[in-house]
Amino acid sequence: MSMNLPKPIADYVEANARLNIDGMMKPFLADAVFIDNGKRYQGLAEIRKLLEEEAIAVEAIFTPDTVREEDGDVVLEGPVYGDFPGSPIRFTYRVTLANDAIKTLQTTV
């Protein structure tokens, strides 16, 4: 990817491109929050389960094509391709970083 992303976000996107769940989990803080279309998952165990069921199981890969900073967050937009109805679907990811890690990741369609 040619975008200049903060390292935790770049690491997450690159691991997702390889469908590497361990790599996807590595950038998150232990008490991170993942909000998936309004549903909240907190902590590494809940986030891992979500990603295993909603990303890895359907081979969903996020390919951001835009990035901007908004109110201190990093906002990425782009299609998610995978083995699911309607693929690809355009997503927005809003990421809050803390201590060089992902504190919050919010996805919306």
N, C-alpha and C. Protein backbone atom coordinates (compact mmCIF):
# COMPACT_ATOMS: atom_id res chain seq x y z
N MET A 1 0.85 -1.18 0.00
CA MET A 1 0.00 0.00 0.00
C MET A 1 0.89 1.23 0.00
N SER A 2 0.53 2.23 -0.79
CA SER A 2 1.36 3.41 -0.92
C SER A 2 0.95 4.54 0.02
N MET A 3 -0.13 4.37 0.77
CA MET A 3 -0.56 5.42 1.71
C MET A 3 0.39 5.49 2.89
N ASN A 4 0.56 6.68 3.40
CA ASN A 4 1.41 6.87 4.57
C ASN A 4 0.53 6.76 5.82
N LEU A 5 0.42 5.55 6.34
CA LEU A 5 -0.43 5.29 7.50
C LEU A 5 0.42 5.16 8.76
N PRO A 6 -0.13 5.55 9.91
CA PRO A 6 0.57 5.26 11.15
C PRO A 6 0.84 3.75 11.27
N LYS A 7 1.97 3.39 11.85
CA LYS A 7 2.40 1.99 11.88
C LYS A 7 1.35 1.01 12.39
N PRO A 8 0.64 1.28 13.49
CA PRO A 8 -0.34 0.29 13.94
C PRO A 8 -1.44 0.03 12.91
N ILE A 9 -1.85 1.08 12.21
CA ILE A 9 -2.90 0.93 11.20
C ILE A 9 -2.34 0.20 9.98
N ALA A 10 -1.15 0.58 9.55
CA ALA A 10 -0.52 -0.09 8.42
C ALA A 10 -0.33 -1.58 8.72
N ASP A 11 0.09 -1.89 9.95
CA ASP A 11 0.29 -3.29 10.33
C ASP A 11 -1.03 -4.06 10.29
N TYR A 12 -2.11 -3.45 10.78
CA TYR A 12 -3.42 -4.10 10.76
C TYR A 12 -3.87 -4.36 9.32
N VAL A 13 -3.78 -3.34 8.47
CA VAL A 13 -4.23 -3.47 7.07
C VAL A 13 -3.40 -4.53 6.34
N GLU A 14 -2.09 -4.52 6.56
CA GLU A 14 -1.22 -5.50 5.90
C GLU A 14 -1.53 -6.92 6.38
N ALA A 15 -1.75 -7.10 7.68
CA ALA A 15 -2.09 -8.42 8.20
C ALA A 15 -3.44 -8.88 7.67
N ASN A 16 -4.40 -7.95 7.57
CA ASN A 16 -5.71 -8.28 7.01
C ASN A 16 -5.58 -8.73 5.56
N ALA A 17 -4.71 -8.09 4.80
CA ALA A 17 -4.51 -8.47 3.40
C ALA A 17 -4.02 -9.92 3.28
N ARG A 18 -3.34 -10.40 4.31
CA ARG A 18 -2.85 -11.79 4.33
C ARG A 18 -3.80 -12.71 5.11
N LEU A 19 -4.91 -12.15 5.62
CA LEU A 19 -5.85 -12.89 6.47
C LEU A 19 -5.13 -13.56 7.64
N ASN A 20 -4.22 -12.78 8.23
CA ASN A 20 -3.41 -13.24 9.36
C ASN A 20 -4.01 -12.70 10.65
N ILE A 21 -4.79 -13.51 11.34
CA ILE A 21 -5.50 -13.05 12.54
C ILE A 21 -4.54 -12.59 13.63
N ASP A 22 -3.44 -13.30 13.83
CA ASP A 22 -2.49 -12.88 14.87
C ASP A 22 -1.90 -11.51 14.55
N GLY A 23 -1.56 -11.30 13.29
CA GLY A 23 -1.05 -10.00 12.88
C GLY A 23 -2.09 -8.90 13.00
N MET A 24 -3.34 -9.23 12.73
CA MET A 24 -4.42 -8.24 12.85
C MET A 24 -4.62 -7.84 14.31
N MET A 25 -4.41 -8.77 15.22
CA MET A 25 -4.62 -8.49 16.64
C MET A 25 -3.46 -7.71 17.27
N LYS A 26 -2.27 -7.89 16.76
CA LYS A 26 -1.07 -7.32 17.39
C LYS A 26 -1.13 -5.80 17.62
N PRO A 27 -1.69 -4.99 16.72
CA PRO A 27 -1.68 -3.53 16.92
C PRO A 27 -2.67 -3.02 17.98
N PHE A 28 -3.55 -3.87 18.51
CA PHE A 28 -4.56 -3.42 19.46
C PHE A 28 -4.04 -3.36 20.89
N LEU A 29 -4.47 -2.34 21.64
CA LEU A 29 -4.24 -2.30 23.08
C LEU A 29 -5.04 -3.42 23.74
N ALA A 30 -4.63 -3.85 24.91
CA ALA A 30 -5.32 -4.94 25.61
C ALA A 30 -6.78 -4.60 25.89
N ASP A 31 -7.09 -3.32 26.15
CA ASP A 31 -8.46 -2.92 26.46
C ASP A 31 -9.12 -2.19 25.29
N ALA A 32 -8.64 -2.45 24.08
CA ALA A 32 -9.17 -1.77 22.89
C ALA A 32 -10.65 -2.06 22.70
N VAL A 33 -11.27 -1.18 21.92
CA VAL A 33 -12.69 -1.31 21.59
C VAL A 33 -12.81 -1.35 20.07
N PHE A 34 -13.63 -2.27 19.58
CA PHE A 34 -13.93 -2.38 18.15
C PHE A 34 -15.44 -2.20 18.04
N ILE A 35 -15.87 -1.19 17.29
CA ILE A 35 -17.29 -0.94 17.10
C ILE A 35 -17.60 -1.27 15.64
N ASP A 36 -18.37 -2.33 15.45
CA ASP A 36 -18.70 -2.82 14.12
C ASP A 36 -20.15 -2.48 13.81
N ASN A 37 -20.36 -1.46 12.99
CA ASN A 37 -21.71 -1.00 12.64
C ASN A 37 -22.58 -0.83 13.88
N GLY A 38 -22.03 -0.19 14.90
CA GLY A 38 -22.79 0.14 16.10
C GLY A 38 -22.70 -0.89 17.23
N LYS A 39 -22.23 -2.10 16.95
CA LYS A 39 -22.10 -3.11 17.99
C LYS A 39 -20.69 -3.07 18.57
N ARG A 40 -20.61 -3.02 19.91
CA ARG A 40 -19.35 -2.79 20.61
C ARG A 40 -18.73 -4.10 21.10
N TYR A 41 -17.43 -4.25 20.83
CA TYR A 41 -16.64 -5.38 21.30
C TYR A 41 -15.45 -4.80 22.06
N GLN A 42 -15.22 -5.26 23.28
CA GLN A 42 -14.14 -4.69 24.08
C GLN A 42 -13.19 -5.79 24.54
N GLY A 43 -11.91 -5.48 24.44
CA GLY A 43 -10.88 -6.41 24.86
C GLY A 43 -10.47 -7.34 23.73
N LEU A 44 -9.28 -7.89 23.87
CA LEU A 44 -8.70 -8.69 22.79
C LEU A 44 -9.49 -9.94 22.48
N ALA A 45 -10.05 -10.61 23.48
CA ALA A 45 -10.80 -11.85 23.23
C ALA A 45 -12.04 -11.58 22.38
N GLU A 46 -12.79 -10.53 22.73
CA GLU A 46 -14.00 -10.21 21.96
C GLU A 46 -13.66 -9.75 20.54
N ILE A 47 -12.61 -8.94 20.42
CA ILE A 47 -12.22 -8.45 19.10
C ILE A 47 -11.74 -9.61 18.23
N ARG A 48 -10.95 -10.50 18.81
CA ARG A 48 -10.46 -11.65 18.05
C ARG A 48 -11.62 -12.51 17.54
N LYS A 49 -12.59 -12.77 18.41
CA LYS A 49 -13.74 -13.57 18.01
C LYS A 49 -14.49 -12.89 16.87
N LEU A 50 -14.72 -11.59 16.98
CA LEU A 50 -15.38 -10.84 15.91
C LEU A 50 -14.62 -10.98 14.60
N LEU A 51 -13.32 -10.74 14.63
CA LEU A 51 -12.54 -10.79 13.40
C LEU A 51 -12.49 -12.20 12.82
N GLU A 52 -12.41 -13.21 13.67
CA GLU A 52 -12.43 -14.59 13.16
C GLU A 52 -13.74 -14.91 12.46
N GLU A 53 -14.86 -14.45 13.04
CA GLU A 53 -16.18 -14.77 12.50
C GLU A 53 -16.59 -13.87 11.34
N GLU A 54 -16.20 -12.60 11.38
CA GLU A 54 -16.70 -11.64 10.40
C GLU A 54 -15.69 -11.25 9.32
N ALA A 55 -14.43 -11.54 9.53
CA ALA A 55 -13.42 -11.20 8.52
C ALA A 55 -12.74 -12.45 7.99
N ILE A 56 -12.11 -13.20 8.87
CA ILE A 56 -11.35 -14.38 8.43
C ILE A 56 -12.28 -15.41 7.78
N ALA A 57 -13.41 -15.69 8.39
CA ALA A 57 -14.32 -16.74 7.89
C ALA A 57 -14.81 -16.47 6.47
N VAL A 58 -14.95 -15.19 6.11
CA VAL A 58 -15.44 -14.85 4.77
C VAL A 58 -14.35 -14.23 3.90
N GLU A 59 -13.11 -14.33 4.37
CA GLU A 59 -11.95 -13.80 3.65
C GLU A 59 -12.13 -12.34 3.27
N ALA A 60 -12.63 -11.54 4.23
CA ALA A 60 -12.88 -10.12 3.99
C ALA A 60 -11.58 -9.33 4.12
N ILE A 61 -11.23 -8.65 3.05
CA ILE A 61 -10.00 -7.87 3.00
C ILE A 61 -10.34 -6.42 2.70
N PHE A 62 -9.92 -5.53 3.61
CA PHE A 62 -10.13 -4.09 3.48
C PHE A 62 -8.99 -3.49 2.67
N THR A 63 -9.33 -2.76 1.61
CA THR A 63 -8.31 -2.12 0.77
C THR A 63 -8.57 -0.62 0.74
N PRO A 64 -8.06 0.09 1.73
CA PRO A 64 -8.33 1.53 1.80
C PRO A 64 -7.76 2.27 0.60
N ASP A 65 -8.55 3.24 0.13
CA ASP A 65 -8.09 4.05 -0.98
C ASP A 65 -8.05 5.54 -0.64
N THR A 66 -8.56 5.90 0.53
CA THR A 66 -8.43 7.27 1.02
C THR A 66 -8.12 7.25 2.50
N VAL A 67 -7.41 8.26 2.95
CA VAL A 67 -7.09 8.41 4.37
C VAL A 67 -7.06 9.89 4.70
N ARG A 68 -7.56 10.22 5.88
CA ARG A 68 -7.53 11.61 6.33
C ARG A 68 -7.52 11.62 7.86
N GLU A 69 -7.13 12.75 8.43
CA GLU A 69 -7.23 12.91 9.87
C GLU A 69 -8.46 13.75 10.16
N GLU A 70 -9.22 13.33 11.16
CA GLU A 70 -10.46 14.02 11.51
C GLU A 70 -10.64 13.97 13.02
N ASP A 71 -10.64 15.12 13.67
CA ASP A 71 -10.83 15.21 15.12
C ASP A 71 -9.86 14.32 15.89
N GLY A 72 -8.62 14.24 15.43
CA GLY A 72 -7.61 13.44 16.11
C GLY A 72 -7.61 11.97 15.75
N ASP A 73 -8.59 11.52 14.98
CA ASP A 73 -8.65 10.13 14.54
C ASP A 73 -8.12 10.01 13.12
N VAL A 74 -7.76 8.80 12.74
CA VAL A 74 -7.39 8.50 11.36
C VAL A 74 -8.61 7.83 10.72
N VAL A 75 -9.07 8.38 9.61
CA VAL A 75 -10.26 7.86 8.93
C VAL A 75 -9.83 7.32 7.57
N LEU A 76 -10.13 6.03 7.36
CA LEU A 76 -9.82 5.37 6.09
C LEU A 76 -11.11 4.95 5.43
N GLU A 77 -11.13 5.02 4.11
CA GLU A 77 -12.29 4.54 3.36
C GLU A 77 -11.80 3.65 2.24
N GLY A 78 -12.62 2.66 1.91
CA GLY A 78 -12.27 1.79 0.80
C GLY A 78 -13.15 0.56 0.78
N PRO A 79 -13.01 -0.23 -0.28
CA PRO A 79 -13.83 -1.42 -0.40
C PRO A 79 -13.31 -2.57 0.45
N VAL A 80 -14.24 -3.42 0.87
CA VAL A 80 -13.92 -4.69 1.51
C VAL A 80 -14.37 -5.77 0.54
N TYR A 81 -13.43 -6.59 0.13
CA TYR A 81 -13.69 -7.70 -0.79
C TYR A 81 -13.71 -9.00 0.02
N GLY A 82 -14.56 -9.92 -0.36
CA GLY A 82 -14.57 -11.20 0.33
C GLY A 82 -15.64 -12.11 -0.22
N ASP A 83 -15.81 -13.22 0.47
CA ASP A 83 -16.78 -14.24 0.08
C ASP A 83 -18.08 -14.01 0.86
N PHE A 84 -18.76 -12.91 0.53
CA PHE A 84 -20.01 -12.55 1.20
C PHE A 84 -20.90 -11.82 0.20
N PRO A 85 -22.22 -11.86 0.42
CA PRO A 85 -23.15 -11.20 -0.51
C PRO A 85 -22.86 -9.70 -0.63
N GLY A 86 -22.87 -9.21 -1.85
CA GLY A 86 -22.67 -7.79 -2.10
C GLY A 86 -21.23 -7.37 -2.24
N SER A 87 -20.29 -8.30 -2.10
CA SER A 87 -18.87 -7.97 -2.18
C SER A 87 -18.54 -7.38 -3.55
N PRO A 88 -17.77 -6.30 -3.59
CA PRO A 88 -17.22 -5.56 -2.45
C PRO A 88 -18.22 -4.55 -1.90
N ILE A 89 -18.03 -4.23 -0.63
CA ILE A 89 -18.83 -3.21 0.05
C ILE A 89 -17.86 -2.14 0.55
N ARG A 90 -18.26 -0.89 0.35
CA ARG A 90 -17.39 0.22 0.77
C ARG A 90 -17.56 0.47 2.27
N PHE A 91 -16.43 0.50 2.98
CA PHE A 91 -16.42 0.72 4.42
C PHE A 91 -15.67 1.98 4.77
N THR A 92 -15.99 2.53 5.94
CA THR A 92 -15.22 3.58 6.57
C THR A 92 -14.69 3.03 7.89
N TYR A 93 -13.40 3.17 8.11
CA TYR A 93 -12.76 2.78 9.37
C TYR A 93 -12.31 4.07 10.05
N ARG A 94 -12.72 4.25 11.30
CA ARG A 94 -12.26 5.39 12.11
C ARG A 94 -11.42 4.81 13.24
N VAL A 95 -10.15 5.23 13.30
CA VAL A 95 -9.21 4.64 14.24
C VAL A 95 -8.69 5.71 15.20
N THR A 96 -8.77 5.39 16.48
CA THR A 96 -8.17 6.22 17.52
C THR A 96 -6.93 5.48 18.02
N LEU A 97 -5.81 6.19 18.03
CA LEU A 97 -4.55 5.60 18.48
C LEU A 97 -4.18 6.11 19.86
N ALA A 98 -3.48 5.29 20.62
CA ALA A 98 -2.92 5.68 21.91
C ALA A 98 -1.69 4.81 22.16
N ASN A 99 -0.61 5.41 22.62
CA ASN A 99 0.61 4.66 22.93
C ASN A 99 1.06 3.80 21.75
N ASP A 100 1.00 4.36 20.55
CA ASP A 100 1.41 3.68 19.32
C ASP A 100 0.69 2.35 19.11
N ALA A 101 -0.59 2.34 19.44
CA ALA A 101 -1.43 1.15 19.26
C ALA A 101 -2.86 1.60 18.97
N ILE A 102 -3.68 0.66 18.51
CA ILE A 102 -5.08 0.96 18.23
C ILE A 102 -5.88 0.89 19.53
N LYS A 103 -6.48 2.02 19.88
CA LYS A 103 -7.33 2.10 21.07
C LYS A 103 -8.78 1.80 20.70
N THR A 104 -9.23 2.39 19.58
CA THR A 104 -10.59 2.18 19.10
C THR A 104 -10.58 2.06 17.59
N LEU A 105 -11.33 1.10 17.07
CA LEU A 105 -11.53 0.96 15.64
C LEU A 105 -13.02 0.86 15.42
N GLN A 106 -13.56 1.79 14.67
CA GLN A 106 -14.99 1.82 14.39
C GLN A 106 -15.20 1.64 12.89
N THR A 107 -16.03 0.67 12.51
CA THR A 107 -16.33 0.45 11.10
C THR A 107 -17.79 0.77 10.82
N THR A 108 -18.02 1.39 9.68
CA THR A 108 -19.38 1.65 9.22
C THR A 108 -19.43 1.41 7.73
N VAL A 109 -20.62 1.05 7.26
CA VAL A 109 -20.83 0.84 5.83
C VAL A 109 -21.40 2.10 5.25
